[in-house]
């Protein structure tokens, strides 16, 4: 059964209003899409943001010995991190550091003293059986809220650090600073003793030169927004 309706004439005023409504809806859709795309590429927009390690990071180990101070360094920091919540403005209390997983290849660490010291260091870290140093975040609390979109946020954290096959819980204060392109740079400093992880302080020249037990680790870890995240 078919039903037919008689078309009623449309006034010019109603036609103009309809066209105006369609134009406004179209512009709203375009601006909404642009806003969504901008937010997706902005590190500190609301929601969850996944990051992956970027170039330019470093982990520096400073120590002492009976001869002189020494330094070891690596730039091979890999892994990922996840932030969520807002960076600034209302609701910034919801800013959270959700996770960090950091991996460092022991072989990538090079000392200021050259190959001989490197071999001694690798032996002390038991490179053959434990080729990786890892860190995993277990808890983070926002300590200092950022004052602006370019200011740093400071987190009081707890995580597990695994060195030479030994895992220990370590407290860290992490500073997260926005970087160009929507990334973030995480920095921290940690003082610890080698023997805490079962590492025997290295020696050289038949024990004449002995490394001190205490070391200071300074890390700078730039992160970029993970592709597709």
N, C-alpha and C. Protein backbone atom coordinates (compact mmCIF):
# COMPACT_ATOMS: atom_id res chain seq x y z
N UNK A 1 0.86 -1.18 0.00
CA UNK A 1 0.00 0.00 0.00
C UNK A 1 0.89 1.23 0.00
N UNK A 2 0.66 2.12 -0.93
CA UNK A 2 1.47 3.31 -1.06
C UNK A 2 0.67 4.53 -0.63
N UNK A 3 1.36 5.45 -0.02
CA UNK A 3 0.72 6.69 0.40
C UNK A 3 1.43 7.85 -0.26
N UNK A 4 0.72 8.82 -0.70
CA UNK A 4 1.28 9.97 -1.39
C UNK A 4 0.99 11.23 -0.58
N UNK A 5 2.00 12.09 -0.53
CA UNK A 5 1.84 13.34 0.20
C UNK A 5 1.97 14.50 -0.78
N UNK A 6 1.19 15.47 -0.57
CA UNK A 6 1.25 16.66 -1.39
C UNK A 6 2.36 17.57 -0.90
N UNK A 7 3.26 17.93 -1.82
CA UNK A 7 4.37 18.82 -1.43
C UNK A 7 3.83 20.21 -1.11
N UNK A 8 4.33 20.74 0.01
CA UNK A 8 3.94 22.10 0.37
C UNK A 8 5.05 23.05 -0.02
N UNK A 9 4.76 24.21 -0.49
CA UNK A 9 5.80 25.17 -0.90
C UNK A 9 6.66 25.60 0.28
N UNK A 10 7.98 25.80 0.02
CA UNK A 10 8.92 26.24 1.05
C UNK A 10 9.22 27.71 0.82
N UNK A 11 9.07 28.51 1.85
CA UNK A 11 9.31 29.94 1.71
C UNK A 11 10.80 30.22 1.60
N UNK A 12 11.18 31.28 0.92
CA UNK A 12 12.61 31.65 0.81
C UNK A 12 13.29 31.81 2.16
N UNK A 13 12.56 32.33 3.14
CA UNK A 13 13.14 32.53 4.47
C UNK A 13 13.50 31.21 5.12
N UNK A 14 12.59 30.23 5.03
CA UNK A 14 12.85 28.91 5.61
C UNK A 14 13.99 28.21 4.89
N UNK A 15 14.07 28.43 3.56
CA UNK A 15 15.15 27.81 2.78
C UNK A 15 16.50 28.38 3.19
N UNK A 16 16.55 29.72 3.38
CA UNK A 16 17.80 30.34 3.82
C UNK A 16 18.19 29.84 5.21
N UNK A 17 17.24 29.67 6.11
CA UNK A 17 17.52 29.20 7.47
C UNK A 17 18.06 27.78 7.44
N UNK A 18 17.46 26.95 6.55
CA UNK A 18 17.92 25.57 6.44
C UNK A 18 19.36 25.51 5.93
N UNK A 19 19.65 26.34 4.91
CA UNK A 19 21.02 26.38 4.38
C UNK A 19 22.01 26.86 5.44
N UNK A 20 21.59 27.88 6.23
CA UNK A 20 22.46 28.40 7.29
C UNK A 20 22.73 27.32 8.34
N UNK A 21 21.72 26.54 8.67
CA UNK A 21 21.89 25.47 9.64
C UNK A 21 22.86 24.40 9.16
N UNK A 22 22.73 24.06 7.87
CA UNK A 22 23.66 23.06 7.30
C UNK A 22 25.08 23.59 7.30
N UNK A 23 25.25 24.88 6.97
CA UNK A 23 26.58 25.49 6.94
C UNK A 23 27.20 25.48 8.34
N UNK A 24 26.42 25.85 9.36
CA UNK A 24 26.91 25.86 10.74
C UNK A 24 27.29 24.46 11.21
N UNK A 25 26.46 23.48 10.85
CA UNK A 25 26.77 22.10 11.24
C UNK A 25 28.05 21.62 10.59
N UNK A 26 28.23 21.99 9.30
CA UNK A 26 29.45 21.59 8.59
C UNK A 26 30.69 22.22 9.20
N UNK A 27 30.61 23.52 9.53
CA UNK A 27 31.76 24.19 10.14
C UNK A 27 32.06 23.61 11.51
N UNK A 28 31.02 23.28 12.29
CA UNK A 28 31.24 22.67 13.61
C UNK A 28 31.95 21.34 13.47
N UNK A 29 31.56 20.57 12.45
CA UNK A 29 32.20 19.28 12.22
C UNK A 29 33.67 19.45 11.86
N UNK A 30 33.96 20.44 10.99
CA UNK A 30 35.35 20.68 10.58
C UNK A 30 36.20 21.12 11.76
N UNK A 31 35.71 22.10 12.53
CA UNK A 31 36.49 22.58 13.67
C UNK A 31 36.64 21.52 14.74
N UNK A 32 35.59 20.71 14.92
CA UNK A 32 35.67 19.62 15.88
C UNK A 32 36.72 18.61 15.48
N UNK A 33 36.80 18.31 14.18
CA UNK A 33 37.81 17.36 13.69
C UNK A 33 39.22 17.92 13.88
N UNK A 34 39.39 19.23 13.56
CA UNK A 34 40.70 19.86 13.74
C UNK A 34 41.11 19.85 15.21
N UNK A 35 40.16 20.13 16.10
CA UNK A 35 40.45 20.16 17.52
C UNK A 35 40.85 18.77 18.01
N UNK A 36 40.15 17.76 17.53
CA UNK A 36 40.48 16.39 17.92
C UNK A 36 41.86 16.01 17.44
N UNK A 37 42.21 16.39 16.21
CA UNK A 37 43.53 16.07 15.67
C UNK A 37 44.62 16.78 16.45
N UNK A 38 44.36 18.06 16.83
CA UNK A 38 45.34 18.81 17.60
C UNK A 38 45.54 18.18 18.96
N UNK A 39 44.45 17.77 19.61
CA UNK A 39 44.55 17.15 20.94
C UNK A 39 45.32 15.85 20.87
N UNK A 40 45.13 15.10 19.79
CA UNK A 40 45.81 13.80 19.67
C UNK A 40 47.31 13.97 19.57
N UNK A 41 47.77 15.15 19.05
CA UNK A 41 49.20 15.36 18.92
C UNK A 41 49.78 16.18 20.05
N UNK A 42 48.98 16.50 21.05
CA UNK A 42 49.45 17.31 22.16
C UNK A 42 49.70 16.43 23.37
N UNK A 43 50.89 16.55 23.95
CA UNK A 43 51.27 15.63 25.02
C UNK A 43 50.37 15.74 26.23
N UNK A 44 49.90 16.96 26.52
CA UNK A 44 49.25 17.15 27.80
C UNK A 44 47.74 17.32 27.71
N UNK A 45 47.12 16.86 26.63
CA UNK A 45 45.67 16.87 26.55
C UNK A 45 45.10 15.84 27.52
N UNK A 46 43.80 16.02 27.84
CA UNK A 46 43.18 15.07 28.75
C UNK A 46 43.16 13.68 28.12
N UNK A 47 43.16 12.66 28.95
CA UNK A 47 43.15 11.30 28.46
C UNK A 47 44.48 10.61 28.70
N UNK A 48 44.62 9.45 28.12
CA UNK A 48 45.84 8.66 28.30
C UNK A 48 46.79 8.90 27.13
N UNK A 49 48.06 9.07 27.45
CA UNK A 49 49.08 9.28 26.42
C UNK A 49 50.19 8.27 26.59
N UNK A 50 50.50 7.57 25.52
CA UNK A 50 51.58 6.59 25.54
C UNK A 50 52.82 7.17 24.88
N UNK A 51 53.97 6.93 25.49
CA UNK A 51 55.23 7.47 25.00
C UNK A 51 56.25 6.36 24.82
N UNK A 52 57.18 6.60 23.90
CA UNK A 52 58.27 5.66 23.69
C UNK A 52 59.59 6.42 23.71
N UNK A 53 60.66 5.73 24.04
CA UNK A 53 61.97 6.38 24.17
C UNK A 53 62.38 7.08 22.88
N UNK A 54 62.93 8.29 23.03
CA UNK A 54 63.42 9.06 21.89
C UNK A 54 64.93 9.21 21.98
N UNK A 55 65.54 9.70 20.92
CA UNK A 55 66.99 9.89 20.90
C UNK A 55 67.40 11.02 21.84
N UNK A 56 68.63 10.98 22.29
CA UNK A 56 69.16 12.06 23.11
C UNK A 56 69.19 11.78 24.60
N UNK A 57 68.77 10.60 25.01
CA UNK A 57 68.79 10.27 26.43
C UNK A 57 70.16 9.86 26.92
N UNK A 58 70.35 9.89 28.21
CA UNK A 58 71.63 9.46 28.78
C UNK A 58 71.46 9.02 30.22
N UNK A 59 72.27 8.07 30.61
CA UNK A 59 72.37 7.64 32.00
C UNK A 59 73.85 7.67 32.37
N UNK A 60 74.18 8.49 33.37
CA UNK A 60 75.58 8.70 33.75
C UNK A 60 75.80 8.18 35.16
N UNK A 61 76.82 7.36 35.32
CA UNK A 61 77.18 6.82 36.62
C UNK A 61 78.49 7.47 37.07
N UNK A 62 78.47 8.10 38.22
CA UNK A 62 79.67 8.72 38.78
C UNK A 62 80.11 7.95 40.02
N UNK A 63 81.39 7.62 40.06
CA UNK A 63 81.93 6.88 41.19
C UNK A 63 83.31 7.37 41.58
N UNK A 64 83.85 6.77 42.60
CA UNK A 64 85.17 7.14 43.10
C UNK A 64 86.07 5.91 43.14
N UNK A 65 87.36 6.14 43.31
CA UNK A 65 88.30 5.04 43.49
C UNK A 65 89.49 5.55 44.29
N UNK A 66 90.38 4.64 44.65
CA UNK A 66 91.57 5.04 45.39
C UNK A 66 92.55 5.82 44.51
N UNK A 67 92.30 5.84 43.19
CA UNK A 67 93.17 6.56 42.26
C UNK A 67 92.56 7.91 41.88
N UNK A 68 91.36 7.88 41.32
CA UNK A 68 90.64 9.12 40.99
C UNK A 68 89.17 8.79 40.72
N UNK A 69 88.37 9.83 40.56
CA UNK A 69 86.96 9.63 40.26
C UNK A 69 86.79 9.08 38.84
N UNK A 70 85.71 8.38 38.62
CA UNK A 70 85.45 7.81 37.30
C UNK A 70 83.99 8.01 36.91
N UNK A 71 83.74 7.89 35.60
CA UNK A 71 82.40 8.07 35.05
C UNK A 71 82.11 6.97 34.04
N UNK A 72 80.90 6.49 34.03
CA UNK A 72 80.44 5.55 33.00
C UNK A 72 79.13 6.09 32.44
N UNK A 73 78.91 5.88 31.14
CA UNK A 73 77.74 6.49 30.51
C UNK A 73 77.16 5.59 29.43
N UNK A 74 75.84 5.69 29.26
CA UNK A 74 75.17 5.06 28.13
C UNK A 74 74.11 6.01 27.60
N UNK A 75 73.89 5.96 26.29
CA UNK A 75 72.81 6.73 25.67
C UNK A 75 71.73 5.79 25.12
N UNK A 76 71.88 4.50 25.37
CA UNK A 76 70.94 3.49 24.85
C UNK A 76 69.86 3.19 25.87
N UNK A 77 68.94 4.13 26.05
CA UNK A 77 67.81 3.96 26.97
C UNK A 77 66.57 3.63 26.15
N UNK A 78 66.01 2.46 26.35
CA UNK A 78 64.82 2.07 25.60
C UNK A 78 63.67 1.80 26.57
N UNK A 79 62.46 1.74 26.04
CA UNK A 79 61.30 1.47 26.88
C UNK A 79 60.15 2.40 26.58
N UNK A 80 59.22 2.53 27.53
CA UNK A 80 58.03 3.32 27.30
C UNK A 80 57.46 3.85 28.62
N UNK A 81 56.55 4.80 28.50
CA UNK A 81 55.89 5.38 29.67
C UNK A 81 54.47 5.77 29.30
N UNK A 82 53.60 5.87 30.30
CA UNK A 82 52.21 6.25 30.07
C UNK A 82 51.80 7.32 31.09
N UNK A 83 51.27 8.44 30.60
CA UNK A 83 50.69 9.48 31.44
C UNK A 83 49.18 9.53 31.17
N UNK A 84 48.43 10.04 32.14
CA UNK A 84 47.00 10.25 31.90
C UNK A 84 46.55 11.48 32.67
N UNK A 85 45.40 12.02 32.27
CA UNK A 85 44.85 13.19 32.93
C UNK A 85 45.28 14.49 32.28
N UNK A 86 44.94 15.60 32.92
CA UNK A 86 45.25 16.92 32.39
C UNK A 86 46.55 17.46 32.97
N UNK A 87 47.26 18.22 32.16
CA UNK A 87 48.53 18.80 32.60
C UNK A 87 48.30 20.07 33.40
N UNK A 88 47.45 20.96 32.89
CA UNK A 88 47.19 22.22 33.60
C UNK A 88 45.70 22.50 33.61
N UNK A 89 45.32 23.55 34.32
CA UNK A 89 43.93 23.96 34.37
C UNK A 89 43.12 23.13 35.34
N UNK A 90 41.82 23.28 35.26
CA UNK A 90 40.94 22.54 36.15
C UNK A 90 41.12 21.03 35.95
N UNK A 91 41.14 20.34 37.06
CA UNK A 91 41.28 18.89 36.98
C UNK A 91 42.71 18.41 36.88
N UNK A 92 43.69 19.33 37.04
CA UNK A 92 45.08 18.86 36.89
C UNK A 92 45.51 17.95 38.03
N UNK A 93 44.68 17.87 39.09
CA UNK A 93 44.99 16.91 40.16
C UNK A 93 44.88 15.49 39.64
N UNK A 94 44.18 15.33 38.48
CA UNK A 94 44.01 14.01 37.90
C UNK A 94 45.23 13.58 37.08
N UNK A 95 46.21 14.48 36.93
CA UNK A 95 47.41 14.10 36.18
C UNK A 95 48.11 12.93 36.86
N UNK A 96 48.37 11.89 36.10
CA UNK A 96 48.99 10.69 36.67
C UNK A 96 50.11 10.16 35.78
N UNK A 97 51.12 9.66 36.43
CA UNK A 97 52.16 8.90 35.75
C UNK A 97 51.78 7.43 35.95
N UNK A 98 51.27 6.82 34.90
CA UNK A 98 50.70 5.49 35.02
C UNK A 98 51.74 4.38 35.04
N UNK A 99 52.74 4.49 34.17
CA UNK A 99 53.73 3.41 34.10
C UNK A 99 55.02 3.87 33.46
N UNK A 100 56.10 3.19 33.81
CA UNK A 100 57.41 3.36 33.18
C UNK A 100 58.05 1.98 33.09
N UNK A 101 58.58 1.68 31.92
CA UNK A 101 59.38 0.48 31.74
C UNK A 101 60.65 0.89 31.00
N UNK A 102 61.77 0.82 31.68
CA UNK A 102 63.05 1.26 31.13
C UNK A 102 64.00 0.07 31.05
N UNK A 103 64.68 -0.04 29.91
CA UNK A 103 65.62 -1.14 29.69
C UNK A 103 66.95 -0.58 29.19
N UNK A 104 68.05 -1.04 29.81
CA UNK A 104 69.40 -0.61 29.42
C UNK A 104 70.27 -1.84 29.21
N UNK A 105 70.91 -1.90 28.07
CA UNK A 105 71.84 -3.00 27.79
C UNK A 105 73.17 -2.71 28.51
N UNK A 106 73.61 -3.63 29.34
CA UNK A 106 74.86 -3.45 30.09
C UNK A 106 76.02 -3.16 29.13
N UNK A 107 76.04 -3.83 27.99
CA UNK A 107 77.13 -3.69 27.02
C UNK A 107 77.23 -2.27 26.47
N UNK A 108 76.12 -1.51 26.56
CA UNK A 108 76.13 -0.14 26.02
C UNK A 108 76.80 0.85 26.97
N UNK A 109 77.06 0.45 28.20
CA UNK A 109 77.67 1.35 29.19
C UNK A 109 79.18 1.40 28.96
N UNK A 110 79.71 2.59 28.77
CA UNK A 110 81.14 2.77 28.52
C UNK A 110 81.73 3.70 29.59
N UNK A 111 82.91 3.36 30.07
CA UNK A 111 83.53 4.15 31.13
C UNK A 111 84.49 5.19 30.57
N UNK A 112 84.86 6.12 31.44
CA UNK A 112 85.80 7.17 31.05
C UNK A 112 87.23 6.65 30.99
N UNK A 113 87.45 5.43 31.48
CA UNK A 113 88.80 4.88 31.56
C UNK A 113 89.16 3.95 30.41
N UNK A 114 88.22 3.74 29.50
CA UNK A 114 88.53 2.93 28.33
C UNK A 114 88.17 1.46 28.48
N UNK A 115 88.63 0.66 27.49
CA UNK A 115 88.26 -0.74 27.38
C UNK A 115 88.58 -1.60 28.58
N UNK A 116 89.74 -1.36 29.20
CA UNK A 116 90.12 -2.16 30.36
C UNK A 116 89.13 -2.01 31.50
N UNK A 117 88.73 -0.80 31.77
CA UNK A 117 87.75 -0.53 32.82
C UNK A 117 86.39 -1.09 32.43
N UNK A 118 86.06 -1.00 31.13
CA UNK A 118 84.79 -1.54 30.65
C UNK A 118 84.70 -3.04 30.93
N UNK A 119 85.75 -3.76 30.60
CA UNK A 119 85.75 -5.21 30.83
C UNK A 119 85.61 -5.54 32.31
N UNK A 120 86.28 -4.76 33.16
CA UNK A 120 86.18 -4.97 34.60
C UNK A 120 84.76 -4.70 35.08
N UNK A 121 84.15 -3.66 34.53
CA UNK A 121 82.78 -3.30 34.89
C UNK A 121 81.80 -4.39 34.44
N UNK A 122 81.97 -4.89 33.21
CA UNK A 122 81.09 -5.94 32.71
C UNK A 122 81.22 -7.21 33.53
N UNK A 123 82.41 -7.49 33.96
CA UNK A 123 82.64 -8.68 34.79
C UNK A 123 81.94 -8.52 36.14
N UNK A 124 82.03 -7.31 36.72
CA UNK A 124 81.39 -7.06 38.01
C UNK A 124 79.88 -7.15 37.90
N UNK A 125 79.32 -6.76 36.73
CA UNK A 125 77.88 -6.81 36.52
C UNK A 125 77.42 -8.15 35.95
N UNK A 126 78.36 -9.08 35.78
CA UNK A 126 78.05 -10.42 35.26
C UNK A 126 77.29 -10.33 33.94
N UNK A 127 77.91 -9.64 32.99
CA UNK A 127 77.29 -9.41 31.68
C UNK A 127 76.85 -10.71 31.01
N UNK A 128 77.62 -11.75 31.17
CA UNK A 128 77.34 -13.03 30.51
C UNK A 128 75.97 -13.57 30.89
N UNK A 129 75.56 -13.40 32.14
CA UNK A 129 74.30 -13.96 32.62
C UNK A 129 73.20 -12.91 32.78
N UNK A 130 73.58 -11.65 32.90
CA UNK A 130 72.58 -10.58 33.12
C UNK A 130 72.92 -9.41 32.21
N UNK A 131 72.44 -9.49 30.99
CA UNK A 131 72.81 -8.51 29.96
C UNK A 131 72.00 -7.22 30.03
N UNK A 132 70.94 -7.21 30.83
CA UNK A 132 70.07 -6.04 30.88
C UNK A 132 69.90 -5.50 32.29
N UNK A 133 69.77 -4.18 32.39
CA UNK A 133 69.36 -3.49 33.61
C UNK A 133 67.96 -2.97 33.33
N UNK A 134 67.01 -3.25 34.22
CA UNK A 134 65.63 -2.83 33.98
C UNK A 134 65.06 -2.05 35.16
N UNK A 135 64.14 -1.18 34.85
CA UNK A 135 63.41 -0.42 35.88
C UNK A 135 61.93 -0.44 35.52
N UNK A 136 61.07 -0.70 36.52
CA UNK A 136 59.63 -0.68 36.31
C UNK A 136 58.95 0.10 37.44
N UNK A 137 58.16 1.08 37.04
CA UNK A 137 57.43 1.89 38.02
C UNK A 137 56.33 1.06 38.68
N UNK A 138 56.20 1.19 40.01
CA UNK A 138 55.12 0.50 40.71
C UNK A 138 54.11 1.48 41.32
N UNK A 139 54.56 2.69 41.64
CA UNK A 139 53.65 3.67 42.25
C UNK A 139 54.19 5.08 42.02
N UNK A 140 53.29 6.02 41.73
CA UNK A 140 53.69 7.42 41.52
C UNK A 140 52.66 8.36 42.11
N UNK A 141 53.15 9.40 42.79
CA UNK A 141 52.29 10.42 43.39
C UNK A 141 52.74 11.79 42.90
N UNK A 142 51.78 12.58 42.40
CA UNK A 142 52.10 13.92 41.91
C UNK A 142 52.49 14.81 43.08
N UNK A 143 53.75 15.22 43.09
CA UNK A 143 54.29 16.00 44.20
C UNK A 143 54.15 17.49 43.94
N UNK A 144 54.44 17.92 42.72
CA UNK A 144 54.36 19.33 42.34
C UNK A 144 53.58 19.48 41.05
N UNK A 145 52.46 20.20 41.11
CA UNK A 145 51.67 20.43 39.91
C UNK A 145 52.35 21.46 39.03
N UNK A 146 52.29 21.29 37.72
CA UNK A 146 52.91 22.29 36.83
C UNK A 146 52.13 23.59 36.85
N UNK A 147 52.86 24.71 36.82
CA UNK A 147 52.22 26.02 36.88
C UNK A 147 51.71 26.46 35.51
N UNK A 148 52.21 25.84 34.44
CA UNK A 148 51.78 26.20 33.08
C UNK A 148 51.96 24.99 32.18
N UNK A 149 51.58 25.17 30.92
CA UNK A 149 51.65 24.08 29.95
C UNK A 149 53.09 23.70 29.61
N UNK A 150 54.04 24.58 29.94
CA UNK A 150 55.44 24.29 29.64
C UNK A 150 56.26 24.00 30.89
N UNK A 151 55.60 24.03 32.04
CA UNK A 151 56.31 23.82 33.31
C UNK A 151 56.41 22.34 33.65
N UNK A 152 57.34 22.02 34.54
CA UNK A 152 57.59 20.63 34.91
C UNK A 152 56.62 20.16 35.98
N UNK A 153 56.36 18.87 35.96
CA UNK A 153 55.61 18.20 37.03
C UNK A 153 56.59 17.30 37.76
N UNK A 154 56.46 17.23 39.07
CA UNK A 154 57.37 16.42 39.88
C UNK A 154 56.58 15.29 40.53
N UNK A 155 57.09 14.08 40.41
CA UNK A 155 56.42 12.90 40.96
C UNK A 155 57.31 12.22 41.99
N UNK A 156 56.70 11.82 43.08
CA UNK A 156 57.38 10.98 44.08
C UNK A 156 57.02 9.54 43.74
N UNK A 157 58.01 8.71 43.42
CA UNK A 157 57.70 7.39 42.89
C UNK A 157 58.42 6.27 43.64
N UNK A 158 57.91 5.08 43.41
CA UNK A 158 58.55 3.85 43.85
C UNK A 158 58.58 2.90 42.67
N UNK A 159 59.69 2.20 42.51
CA UNK A 159 59.80 1.27 41.41
C UNK A 159 60.77 0.15 41.73
N UNK A 160 60.85 -0.82 40.82
CA UNK A 160 61.78 -1.94 41.01
C UNK A 160 62.93 -1.82 40.01
N UNK A 161 64.13 -1.86 40.53
CA UNK A 161 65.35 -1.78 39.73
C UNK A 161 66.04 -3.14 39.79
N UNK A 162 66.34 -3.69 38.61
CA UNK A 162 66.98 -5.00 38.53
C UNK A 162 68.36 -4.86 37.93
N UNK A 163 69.39 -5.19 38.72
CA UNK A 163 70.78 -5.11 38.31
C UNK A 163 71.48 -6.41 38.69
N UNK A 164 72.22 -6.98 37.77
CA UNK A 164 72.98 -8.21 38.05
C UNK A 164 72.07 -9.32 38.58
N UNK A 165 70.84 -9.36 38.08
CA UNK A 165 69.92 -10.41 38.50
C UNK A 165 69.27 -10.18 39.84
N UNK A 166 69.56 -9.06 40.50
CA UNK A 166 69.00 -8.75 41.81
C UNK A 166 67.99 -7.61 41.66
N UNK A 167 66.79 -7.80 42.20
CA UNK A 167 65.73 -6.79 42.11
C UNK A 167 65.51 -6.12 43.46
N UNK A 168 65.54 -4.79 43.46
CA UNK A 168 65.33 -4.02 44.68
C UNK A 168 64.30 -2.92 44.43
N UNK A 169 63.56 -2.58 45.48
CA UNK A 169 62.63 -1.46 45.40
C UNK A 169 63.38 -0.16 45.68
N UNK A 170 63.23 0.81 44.79
CA UNK A 170 63.95 2.08 44.97
C UNK A 170 62.98 3.26 44.88
N UNK A 171 63.11 4.24 45.77
CA UNK A 171 62.31 5.46 45.67
C UNK A 171 63.03 6.46 44.75
N UNK A 172 62.27 7.14 43.92
CA UNK A 172 62.84 8.12 43.01
C UNK A 172 61.93 9.34 42.93
N UNK A 173 62.55 10.51 42.85
CA UNK A 173 61.82 11.73 42.53
C UNK A 173 62.04 11.99 41.05
N UNK A 174 60.97 11.95 40.27
CA UNK A 174 61.07 12.13 38.82
C UNK A 174 60.50 13.48 38.42
N UNK A 175 61.23 14.20 37.58
CA UNK A 175 60.76 15.47 37.05
C UNK A 175 60.42 15.28 35.58
N UNK A 176 59.18 15.58 35.22
CA UNK A 176 58.71 15.43 33.83
C UNK A 176 58.46 16.81 33.24
N UNK A 177 59.15 17.10 32.13
CA UNK A 177 59.06 18.42 31.51
C UNK A 177 58.61 18.29 30.06
N UNK A 178 57.59 19.05 29.64
CA UNK A 178 57.14 19.01 28.24
C UNK A 178 58.26 19.42 27.30
N UNK A 179 58.32 18.79 26.12
CA UNK A 179 59.31 19.12 25.10
C UNK A 179 58.60 19.42 23.79
N UNK A 180 59.27 20.13 22.86
CA UNK A 180 58.64 20.46 21.58
C UNK A 180 58.16 19.20 20.85
N UNK A 181 57.05 19.33 20.17
CA UNK A 181 56.52 18.20 19.42
C UNK A 181 55.61 17.30 20.23
N UNK A 182 55.27 17.72 21.44
CA UNK A 182 54.34 16.94 22.25
C UNK A 182 54.98 15.86 23.09
N UNK A 183 56.30 15.88 23.22
CA UNK A 183 56.99 14.87 24.02
C UNK A 183 57.17 15.29 25.46
N UNK A 184 57.96 14.53 26.17
CA UNK A 184 58.24 14.81 27.57
C UNK A 184 59.63 14.27 27.89
N UNK A 185 60.33 14.96 28.77
CA UNK A 185 61.65 14.52 29.21
C UNK A 185 61.59 14.24 30.71
N UNK A 186 62.02 13.04 31.09
CA UNK A 186 62.02 12.65 32.49
C UNK A 186 63.46 12.65 33.01
N UNK A 187 63.68 13.31 34.12
CA UNK A 187 65.02 13.36 34.72
C UNK A 187 64.95 12.91 36.17
N UNK A 188 66.05 12.34 36.65
CA UNK A 188 66.12 11.91 38.04
C UNK A 188 67.57 11.70 38.45
N UNK A 189 67.79 11.56 39.74
CA UNK A 189 69.13 11.28 40.28
C UNK A 189 68.97 10.28 41.42
N UNK A 190 69.86 9.31 41.46
CA UNK A 190 69.77 8.24 42.45
C UNK A 190 71.15 7.93 43.01
N UNK A 191 71.23 7.86 44.34
CA UNK A 191 72.46 7.44 45.00
C UNK A 191 72.25 6.05 45.59
N UNK A 192 73.19 5.16 45.34
CA UNK A 192 73.06 3.81 45.90
C UNK A 192 74.44 3.17 46.05
N UNK A 193 74.45 2.01 46.66
CA UNK A 193 75.69 1.25 46.83
C UNK A 193 75.66 0.02 45.94
N UNK A 194 76.78 -0.26 45.31
CA UNK A 194 76.86 -1.41 44.41
C UNK A 194 76.52 -2.71 45.12
N UNK A 195 76.98 -2.83 46.36
CA UNK A 195 76.77 -4.08 47.09
C UNK A 195 75.30 -4.34 47.41
N UNK A 196 74.46 -3.30 47.31
CA UNK A 196 73.02 -3.49 47.51
C UNK A 196 72.47 -4.48 46.49
N UNK A 197 73.08 -4.50 45.30
CA UNK A 197 72.65 -5.40 44.24
C UNK A 197 73.61 -6.57 44.06
N UNK A 198 74.43 -6.78 45.05
CA UNK A 198 75.36 -7.90 44.99
C UNK A 198 76.53 -7.69 44.06
N UNK A 199 76.75 -6.44 43.65
CA UNK A 199 77.87 -6.12 42.76
C UNK A 199 79.10 -5.79 43.58
N UNK A 200 80.17 -6.50 43.33
CA UNK A 200 81.42 -6.23 44.02
C UNK A 200 82.13 -5.07 43.36
N UNK A 201 82.45 -4.01 44.11
CA UNK A 201 83.14 -2.86 43.51
C UNK A 201 84.38 -3.31 42.75
N UNK A 202 84.51 -2.88 41.48
CA UNK A 202 85.63 -3.31 40.65
C UNK A 202 86.99 -2.89 41.20
N UNK A 203 88.00 -3.67 40.87
CA UNK A 203 89.38 -3.34 41.21
C UNK A 203 90.25 -3.44 39.96
N UNK A 204 91.43 -2.83 40.01
CA UNK A 204 92.37 -2.88 38.88
C UNK A 204 93.79 -2.95 39.42
N UNK A 205 94.70 -3.33 38.53
CA UNK A 205 96.12 -3.43 38.88
C UNK A 205 96.31 -4.31 40.13
N UNK A 206 95.70 -5.51 40.05
CA UNK A 206 95.84 -6.50 41.12
C UNK A 206 95.37 -5.97 42.48
N UNK A 207 94.33 -5.12 42.45
CA UNK A 207 93.75 -4.62 43.69
C UNK A 207 94.34 -3.33 44.19
N UNK A 208 95.35 -2.80 43.47
CA UNK A 208 95.95 -1.53 43.89
C UNK A 208 94.91 -0.39 43.78
N UNK A 209 94.14 -0.43 42.68
CA UNK A 209 93.08 0.57 42.50
C UNK A 209 91.74 -0.07 42.82
N UNK A 210 91.03 0.51 43.74
CA UNK A 210 89.74 -0.03 44.17
C UNK A 210 88.65 1.02 44.01
N UNK A 211 87.56 0.60 43.43
CA UNK A 211 86.42 1.51 43.27
C UNK A 211 85.67 1.63 44.58
N UNK A 212 85.15 2.83 44.83
CA UNK A 212 84.31 3.02 46.00
C UNK A 212 82.97 2.32 45.82
N UNK A 213 82.31 2.02 46.91
CA UNK A 213 81.03 1.30 46.85
C UNK A 213 79.87 2.20 46.43
N UNK A 214 79.92 3.47 46.83
CA UNK A 214 78.82 4.40 46.55
C UNK A 214 78.94 4.98 45.14
N UNK A 215 77.81 5.04 44.45
CA UNK A 215 77.76 5.65 43.12
C UNK A 215 76.54 6.58 43.04
N UNK A 216 76.60 7.51 42.09
CA UNK A 216 75.48 8.42 41.83
C UNK A 216 75.06 8.26 40.38
N UNK A 217 73.79 8.02 40.16
CA UNK A 217 73.26 7.83 38.81
C UNK A 217 72.38 9.02 38.44
N UNK A 218 72.66 9.63 37.31
CA UNK A 218 71.87 10.74 36.81
C UNK A 218 71.30 10.35 35.45
N UNK A 219 69.99 10.44 35.32
CA UNK A 219 69.34 10.01 34.07
C UNK A 219 68.51 11.12 33.46
N UNK A 220 68.60 11.24 32.14
CA UNK A 220 67.75 12.12 31.35
C UNK A 220 67.15 11.27 30.24
N UNK A 221 65.82 11.17 30.24
CA UNK A 221 65.16 10.25 29.32
C UNK A 221 64.08 10.96 28.52
N UNK A 222 64.40 11.38 27.28
CA UNK A 222 63.39 12.00 26.45
C UNK A 222 62.44 10.97 25.85
N UNK A 223 61.17 11.34 25.77
CA UNK A 223 60.14 10.45 25.25
C UNK A 223 59.34 11.18 24.18
N UNK A 224 58.91 10.42 23.19
CA UNK A 224 58.06 10.95 22.13
C UNK A 224 56.71 10.22 22.17
N UNK A 225 55.67 10.90 21.69
CA UNK A 225 54.36 10.27 21.64
C UNK A 225 54.44 9.03 20.76
N UNK A 226 53.95 7.93 21.26
CA UNK A 226 54.01 6.67 20.54
C UNK A 226 53.13 6.73 19.29
N UNK A 227 53.68 6.32 18.15
CA UNK A 227 52.94 6.34 16.91
C UNK A 227 51.68 5.50 17.02
N UNK A 228 50.55 6.07 16.61
CA UNK A 228 49.29 5.35 16.64
C UNK A 228 48.60 5.35 17.97
N UNK A 229 49.24 5.97 19.01
CA UNK A 229 48.64 5.98 20.34
C UNK A 229 47.62 7.11 20.47
